Amino acid sequence: MQPAEELARDGFVITKFLGERMNDGIGSSIVSEHRQFRTKDGSRVLREGETLKQAELAETIQTLAAGGRDEFY
């Protein structure tokens, strides 16, 4: 689970495809509600070439890895 945690924490560069989906009409309306998909100042949804980091997801993965099955349920 460590690679998933690192990817969530350190982030990844948004590809052209993902950037287009996140910023089209439907995608934008979905992701714009979640701060991890927005710029630091919250002014817009992230675009191609920017880095998406998900600190809360990384914490969840870390909790699950440490607590095992019992933590999940």
C-alpha atoms as a PDB file:
ATOM      1  CA  MET A   1       0.000   0.000   0.000  1.00  0.00           C
ATOM      2  CA  GLN A   2       3.027   2.263   0.364  1.00  0.00           C
ATOM      3  CA  PRO A   3       3.236   3.097  -3.377  1.00  0.00           C
ATOM      4  CA  ALA A   4      -0.405   4.212  -3.361  1.00  0.00           C
ATOM      5  CA  GLU A   5       0.157   6.303  -0.244  1.00  0.00           C
ATOM      6  CA  GLU A   6       3.227   7.956  -1.775  1.00  0.00           C
ATOM      7  CA  LEU A   7       1.409   8.680  -5.027  1.00  0.00           C
ATOM      8  CA  ALA A   8      -1.489  10.283  -3.169  1.00  0.00           C
ATOM      9  CA  ARG A   9       0.811  12.322  -0.910  1.00  0.00           C
ATOM     10  CA  ASP A  10       3.432  13.364  -3.475  1.00  0.00           C
ATOM     11  CA  GLY A  11       0.956  13.701  -6.309  1.00  0.00           C
ATOM     12  CA  PHE A  12       1.216  13.268 -10.042  1.00  0.00           C
ATOM     13  CA  VAL A  13       1.193  15.563 -13.030  1.00  0.00           C
ATOM     14  CA  ILE A  14      -2.207  15.834 -14.666  1.00  0.00           C
ATOM     15  CA  THR A  15      -2.187  14.520 -18.227  1.00  0.00           C
ATOM     16  CA  LYS A  16      -3.853  16.229 -21.162  1.00  0.00           C
ATOM     17  CA  PHE A  17      -6.681  13.662 -21.124  1.00  0.00           C
ATOM     18  CA  LEU A  18      -7.363  14.003 -17.395  1.00  0.00           C
ATOM     19  CA  GLY A  19      -7.076  17.782 -17.521  1.00  0.00           C
ATOM     20  CA  GLU A  20      -9.642  17.935 -20.320  1.00  0.00           C
ATOM     21  CA  ARG A  21     -12.045  15.632 -18.457  1.00  0.00           C
ATOM     22  CA  MET A  22     -11.673  17.577 -15.208  1.00  0.00           C
ATOM     23  CA  ASN A  23     -12.437  20.839 -16.983  1.00  0.00           C
ATOM     24  CA  ASP A  24     -15.273  19.874 -19.320  1.00  0.00           C
ATOM     25  CA  GLY A  25     -18.847  20.658 -18.305  1.00  0.00           C
ATOM     26  CA  ILE A  26     -19.666  17.439 -16.461  1.00  0.00           C
ATOM     27  CA  GLY A  27     -16.208  16.759 -15.021  1.00  0.00           C
ATOM     28  CA  SER A  28     -15.788  20.291 -13.777  1.00  0.00           C
ATOM     29  CA  SER A  29     -19.122  20.242 -11.984  1.00  0.00           C
ATOM     30  CA  ILE A  30     -18.089  17.061 -10.165  1.00  0.00           C
ATOM     31  CA  VAL A  31     -14.471  17.803  -9.236  1.00  0.00           C
ATOM     32  CA  SER A  32     -14.919  21.509  -8.521  1.00  0.00           C
ATOM     33  CA  GLU A  33     -16.676  20.619  -5.274  1.00  0.00           C
ATOM     34  CA  HIS A  34     -13.534  18.939  -3.902  1.00  0.00           C
ATOM     35  CA  ARG A  35     -10.637  21.171  -2.850  1.00  0.00           C
ATOM     36  CA  GLN A  36      -7.919  18.649  -3.778  1.00  0.00           C
ATOM     37  CA  PHE A  37      -8.887  19.123  -7.428  1.00  0.00           C
ATOM     38  CA  ARG A  38      -8.615  22.916  -7.254  1.00  0.00           C
ATOM     39  CA  THR A  39      -5.681  25.318  -7.210  1.00  0.00           C
ATOM     40  CA  LYS A  40      -4.266  26.248  -3.807  1.00  0.00           C
ATOM     41  CA  ASP A  41      -6.214  29.507  -3.809  1.00  0.00           C
ATOM     42  CA  GLY A  42      -9.367  27.607  -4.854  1.00  0.00           C
ATOM     43  CA  SER A  43      -9.945  29.803  -7.889  1.00  0.00           C
ATOM     44  CA  ARG A  44     -10.220  27.009 -10.470  1.00  0.00           C
ATOM     45  CA  VAL A  45      -9.951  23.290 -11.201  1.00  0.00           C
ATOM     46  CA  LEU A  46      -6.436  21.987 -11.850  1.00  0.00           C
ATOM     47  CA  ARG A  47      -5.292  21.758 -15.467  1.00  0.00           C
ATOM     48  CA  GLU A  48      -2.910  19.719 -17.599  1.00  0.00           C
ATOM     49  CA  GLY A  49       0.660  19.932 -16.322  1.00  0.00           C
ATOM     50  CA  GLU A  50      -0.288  20.804 -12.747  1.00  0.00           C
ATOM     51  CA  THR A  51       0.213  18.380  -9.860  1.00  0.00           C
ATOM     52  CA  LEU A  52      -2.709  16.681  -8.136  1.00  0.00           C
ATOM     53  CA  LYS A  53      -1.945  15.835  -4.494  1.00  0.00           C
ATOM     54  CA  GLN A  54      -4.414  14.068  -2.198  1.00  0.00           C
ATOM     55  CA  ALA A  55      -3.166  14.348   1.388  1.00  0.00           C
ATOM     56  CA  GLU A  56      -6.395  13.090   2.947  1.00  0.00           C
ATOM     57  CA  LEU A  57      -6.353   9.994   0.738  1.00  0.00           C
ATOM     58  CA  ALA A  58      -2.724   9.369   1.732  1.00  0.00           C
ATOM     59  CA  GLU A  59      -3.706   9.556   5.418  1.00  0.00           C
ATOM     60  CA  THR A  60      -6.571   7.108   4.849  1.00  0.00           C
ATOM     61  CA  ILE A  61      -4.291   4.656   3.067  1.00  0.00           C
ATOM     62  CA  GLN A  62      -1.731   4.959   5.866  1.00  0.00           C
ATOM     63  CA  THR A  63      -4.417   4.297   8.491  1.00  0.00           C
ATOM     64  CA  LEU A  64      -5.639   1.240   6.617  1.00  0.00           C
ATOM     65  CA  ALA A  65      -2.111  -0.073   6.149  1.00  0.00           C
ATOM     66  CA  ALA A  66      -1.343   0.303   9.850  1.00  0.00           C
ATOM     67  CA  GLY A  67      -4.672  -1.001  11.143  1.00  0.00           C
ATOM     68  CA  GLY A  68      -5.297  -3.725   8.619  1.00  0.00           C
ATOM     69  CA  ARG A  69      -8.659  -5.320   8.016  1.00  0.00           C
ATOM     70  CA  ASP A  70     -10.108  -4.212  11.338  1.00  0.00           C
ATOM     71  CA  GLU A  71      -9.480  -0.566  10.500  1.00  0.00           C
ATOM     72  CA  PHE A  72     -11.320  -0.962   7.209  1.00  0.00           C
ATOM     73  CA  TYR A  73     -14.468  -2.347   8.801  1.00  0.00           C
END
